[in-house]
């Protein structure tokens, strides 16, 4: 496997899918978007500032009832231009954009999403099992974003620095469960564990990690943040 490469941390005057955006700030970065005809949706608590001309509406989520049972928000907030709007997350790290072509999808670790253009559909799945041993065995959610008939943009937040690696078919890498940010759907994820013992009569513990197998792209973050669940 090649070494993961560091993603660019700054973007100025980037144009894609009918939107222009910029990302600035070395510690707690800010994403600013110039809205024209294409709305963007986001989690309500990440908005930093906006022009008064930008209107804010509620965007219902698919499968909202299932998500609220897990204590997750059932609504996204949508912004419509013309005007500018800016977002940030209360955490040290990096913001970055993934440009999605029609039909292209990305799986994201929950709590990494910042914003997306309206042409990108959102869905989610619950992952259960030993992992998720960090989460008391209750599991966690993987969010999936897919561009429809038009290209779209997905903006994510990673804690610390964000790296990306391209896995070849059948190529694998083991990652600390809090160390991944996103993956292409073609990349499979499997929970791995290893028991540890100390001395002949000593007690033992265990190590747990996620094994990702290609082909496809995998995003990593250097700061591990394990969000609490409602359970």
Protein backbone atom coordinates (compact mmCIF):
# COMPACT_ATOMS: atom_id res chain seq x y z
CA UNK A 1 0.00 0.00 0.00
CA UNK A 2 1.22 3.49 -0.79
CA UNK A 3 1.64 6.00 2.03
CA UNK A 4 -1.53 8.04 2.65
CA UNK A 5 -1.16 11.52 1.15
CA UNK A 6 -2.11 14.71 2.93
CA UNK A 7 -5.19 16.43 1.54
CA UNK A 8 -4.92 20.16 0.67
CA UNK A 9 -6.10 22.24 3.63
CA UNK A 10 -6.85 25.51 1.81
CA UNK A 11 -9.16 26.23 -1.15
CA UNK A 12 -9.81 29.65 -2.67
CA UNK A 13 -12.39 30.50 -5.32
CA UNK A 14 -13.21 26.89 -6.24
CA UNK A 15 -16.09 26.47 -8.73
CA UNK A 16 -18.10 23.26 -9.15
CA UNK A 17 -21.73 22.20 -9.59
CA UNK A 18 -23.01 25.76 -9.77
CA UNK A 19 -21.31 26.87 -6.53
CA UNK A 20 -18.21 28.85 -5.64
CA UNK A 21 -16.56 28.22 -2.27
CA UNK A 22 -13.44 28.87 -0.25
CA UNK A 23 -11.89 27.15 2.78
CA UNK A 24 -9.55 29.11 5.03
CA UNK A 25 -8.11 28.91 8.53
CA UNK A 26 -5.21 26.74 9.79
CA UNK A 27 -6.69 25.79 13.18
CA UNK A 28 -10.51 25.80 13.11
CA UNK A 29 -11.20 26.32 9.39
CA UNK A 30 -14.19 28.06 7.84
CA UNK A 31 -16.07 27.09 4.67
CA UNK A 32 -17.66 30.06 2.84
CA UNK A 33 -20.03 29.42 -0.09
CA UNK A 34 -21.42 31.85 -2.66
CA UNK A 35 -24.97 30.70 -3.32
CA UNK A 36 -26.49 31.28 -6.75
CA UNK A 37 -29.21 28.96 -8.05
CA UNK A 38 -28.07 25.84 -6.15
CA UNK A 39 -29.08 25.49 -2.48
CA UNK A 40 -26.94 23.71 0.13
CA UNK A 41 -28.06 21.75 3.19
CA UNK A 42 -26.26 21.32 6.50
CA UNK A 43 -26.60 20.49 10.18
CA UNK A 44 -28.19 23.52 11.83
CA UNK A 45 -25.48 24.05 14.46
CA UNK A 46 -22.56 24.48 12.03
CA UNK A 47 -23.60 27.80 10.46
CA UNK A 48 -21.18 30.62 11.37
CA UNK A 49 -22.55 33.63 9.46
CA UNK A 50 -24.62 34.52 6.37
CA UNK A 51 -25.78 37.44 4.26
CA UNK A 52 -29.33 38.60 5.14
CA UNK A 53 -30.39 37.76 1.58
CA UNK A 54 -29.81 34.03 2.22
CA UNK A 55 -33.01 32.27 3.29
CA UNK A 56 -33.04 29.26 5.64
CA UNK A 57 -35.58 26.43 5.43
CA UNK A 58 -36.02 22.94 6.86
CA UNK A 59 -35.07 19.96 4.68
CA UNK A 60 -36.70 16.70 5.93
CA UNK A 61 -34.52 13.60 5.99
CA UNK A 62 -35.42 10.24 4.52
CA UNK A 63 -35.90 7.60 7.19
CA UNK A 64 -36.30 10.30 9.82
CA UNK A 65 -38.26 8.08 12.23
CA UNK A 66 -35.54 5.46 12.39
CA UNK A 67 -32.88 8.08 12.99
CA UNK A 68 -34.72 9.88 15.77
CA UNK A 69 -34.99 6.60 17.68
CA UNK A 70 -31.22 6.69 17.91
CA UNK A 71 -31.26 10.24 19.19
CA UNK A 72 -30.12 11.78 15.92
CA UNK A 73 -31.62 14.94 14.39
CA UNK A 74 -34.48 14.30 11.98
CA UNK A 75 -34.08 17.50 9.97
CA UNK A 76 -31.35 19.13 7.94
CA UNK A 77 -31.31 22.87 7.32
CA UNK A 78 -31.21 24.22 3.75
CA UNK A 79 -29.87 27.59 2.61
CA UNK A 80 -30.95 29.33 -0.61
CA UNK A 81 -29.30 32.30 -2.27
CA UNK A 82 -28.40 34.62 -3.65
CA UNK A 83 -25.78 35.46 -1.07
CA UNK A 84 -22.97 34.06 1.00
CA UNK A 85 -23.01 31.66 3.93
CA UNK A 86 -20.19 30.27 6.07
CA UNK A 87 -19.80 27.17 8.22
CA UNK A 88 -17.39 25.87 10.82
CA UNK A 89 -17.30 23.04 13.32
CA UNK A 90 -16.28 23.37 16.97
CA UNK A 91 -13.15 21.29 16.60
CA UNK A 92 -9.55 21.58 15.48
CA UNK A 93 -9.06 19.97 12.09
CA UNK A 94 -9.56 20.40 8.37
CA UNK A 95 -12.51 21.04 6.09
CA UNK A 96 -12.43 19.65 2.57
CA UNK A 97 -14.67 19.15 -0.44
CA UNK A 98 -15.41 15.98 -2.38
CA UNK A 99 -16.67 16.68 -5.91
CA UNK A 100 -19.17 14.00 -6.90
CA UNK A 101 -20.06 13.16 -10.49
CA UNK A 102 -23.62 11.97 -11.32
CA UNK A 103 -24.25 8.64 -9.58
CA UNK A 104 -21.03 8.77 -7.53
CA UNK A 105 -21.36 8.03 -3.79
CA UNK A 106 -19.28 8.42 -0.62
CA UNK A 107 -19.71 6.72 2.77
CA UNK A 108 -18.85 8.89 5.79
CA UNK A 109 -18.33 8.24 9.46
CA UNK A 110 -21.12 9.91 11.44
CA UNK A 111 -20.45 13.42 12.80
CA UNK A 112 -18.03 14.19 9.94
CA UNK A 113 -20.61 15.81 7.63
CA UNK A 114 -20.63 19.60 7.30
CA UNK A 115 -22.68 20.53 4.19
CA UNK A 116 -23.71 19.33 0.73
CA UNK A 117 -25.26 20.76 -2.41
CA UNK A 118 -28.96 20.07 -2.93
CA UNK A 119 -28.23 17.69 -5.83
CA UNK A 120 -26.64 15.21 -3.38
CA UNK A 121 -28.97 12.64 -1.78
CA UNK A 122 -28.49 11.56 1.83
CA UNK A 123 -29.12 8.14 3.40
CA UNK A 124 -27.66 6.17 6.32
CA UNK A 125 -27.18 2.69 7.69
CA UNK A 126 -26.51 1.39 11.17
CA UNK A 127 -23.42 -0.72 11.74
CA UNK A 128 -23.66 -3.12 14.65
CA UNK A 129 -21.21 -5.52 16.19
CA UNK A 130 -18.21 -5.71 18.36
CA UNK A 131 -16.81 -2.44 17.30
CA UNK A 132 -18.06 -1.02 18.03
CA UNK A 133 -16.91 -1.87 21.37
CA UNK A 134 -15.87 1.72 21.65
CA UNK A 135 -19.55 2.51 21.63
CA UNK A 136 -20.53 -0.07 24.20
CA UNK A 137 -21.37 -2.55 21.49
CA UNK A 138 -24.35 -0.51 20.32
CA UNK A 139 -22.84 0.31 16.94
CA UNK A 140 -22.83 3.52 14.96
CA UNK A 141 -24.14 5.08 11.75
CA UNK A 142 -22.51 5.40 8.36
CA UNK A 143 -23.87 8.28 6.27
CA UNK A 144 -23.99 7.84 2.50
CA UNK A 145 -24.10 10.77 0.08
CA UNK A 146 -24.83 10.18 -3.60
CA UNK A 147 -25.00 12.65 -6.48
CA UNK A 148 -28.18 12.35 -8.52
CA UNK A 149 -28.50 13.27 -12.18
CA UNK A 150 -26.36 16.37 -11.66
CA UNK A 151 -22.87 16.71 -10.14
CA UNK A 152 -22.70 17.77 -6.50
CA UNK A 153 -20.36 18.74 -3.68
CA UNK A 154 -19.96 17.17 -0.26
CA UNK A 155 -18.03 19.04 2.44
CA UNK A 156 -16.64 17.07 5.37
CA UNK A 157 -14.71 17.88 8.55
CA UNK A 158 -11.79 15.79 9.76
CA UNK A 159 -10.13 16.12 13.16
CA UNK A 160 -6.42 16.85 13.08
CA UNK A 161 -4.98 16.36 9.60
CA UNK A 162 -6.79 14.48 6.82
CA UNK A 163 -5.06 11.98 4.56
CA UNK A 164 -6.27 9.88 1.62
CA UNK A 165 -5.10 6.53 0.31
CA UNK A 166 -6.11 4.62 -2.83
CA UNK A 167 -6.52 0.91 -2.12
CA UNK A 168 -6.00 -1.48 -5.00
CA UNK A 169 -8.37 -4.46 -5.46
CA UNK A 170 -7.83 -6.84 -2.52
CA UNK A 171 -5.43 -4.45 -0.79
CA UNK A 172 -6.18 -3.88 2.91
CA UNK A 173 -5.22 -1.55 5.74
CA UNK A 174 -6.11 -1.72 9.45
CA UNK A 175 -7.32 1.55 10.97
CA UNK A 176 -8.12 2.59 14.53
CA UNK A 177 -11.95 2.75 14.69
CA UNK A 178 -11.93 6.52 15.18
CA UNK A 179 -9.32 7.13 12.50
CA UNK A 180 -11.36 6.99 9.30
CA UNK A 181 -13.47 9.80 7.81
CA UNK A 182 -14.85 8.55 4.49
CA UNK A 183 -14.62 5.73 1.99
CA UNK A 184 -15.95 4.83 -1.42
CA UNK A 185 -18.75 2.23 -1.28
CA UNK A 186 -16.47 -0.24 -3.10
CA UNK A 187 -14.21 -0.29 -0.02
CA UNK A 188 -15.40 -2.92 2.46
CA UNK A 189 -15.05 -2.54 6.24
CA UNK A 190 -14.61 -5.41 8.70
CA UNK A 191 -14.18 -5.27 12.48
CA UNK A 192 -11.04 -7.04 13.73
CA UNK A 193 -9.95 -7.85 17.28
CA UNK A 194 -6.97 -9.30 19.08
CA UNK A 195 -6.82 -10.44 22.70
CA UNK A 196 -3.88 -9.46 24.90
CA UNK A 197 -2.50 -11.15 28.01
CA UNK A 198 0.06 -9.91 30.51
CA UNK A 199 2.25 -12.61 32.00
CA UNK A 200 1.37 -16.22 32.72
CA UNK A 201 -1.40 -15.47 35.20
CA UNK A 202 -2.08 -11.85 34.30
CA UNK A 203 -5.29 -10.49 32.99
CA UNK A 204 -5.79 -9.47 29.45
CA UNK A 205 -7.36 -6.84 27.30
CA UNK A 206 -8.06 -6.44 23.66
CA UNK A 207 -7.31 -4.37 20.61
CA UNK A 208 -9.93 -3.50 18.04
CA UNK A 209 -9.62 -1.95 14.62
CA UNK A 210 -11.41 -1.71 11.30
CA UNK A 211 -9.94 -3.49 8.28
CA UNK A 212 -10.66 -1.70 4.99
CA UNK A 213 -10.21 -3.61 1.74
CA UNK A 214 -10.13 -2.04 -1.73
CA UNK A 215 -10.63 -1.12 -4.41
CA UNK A 216 -11.32 2.53 -3.72
CA UNK A 217 -10.42 5.67 -1.80
CA UNK A 218 -10.23 5.86 1.99
CA UNK A 219 -9.92 9.06 4.05
CA UNK A 220 -8.08 9.07 7.39
CA UNK A 221 -7.86 11.61 10.22
CA UNK A 222 -4.93 11.94 12.61
CA UNK A 223 -7.03 12.93 15.65
CA UNK A 224 -9.41 10.30 16.98
CA UNK A 225 -12.69 11.62 18.35
CA UNK A 226 -15.22 9.03 19.52
CA UNK A 227 -18.61 10.65 19.76
CA UNK A 228 -20.97 9.43 22.50
CA UNK A 229 -24.22 7.77 21.48
CA UNK A 230 -27.65 8.29 22.98
CA UNK A 231 -27.74 4.72 24.23
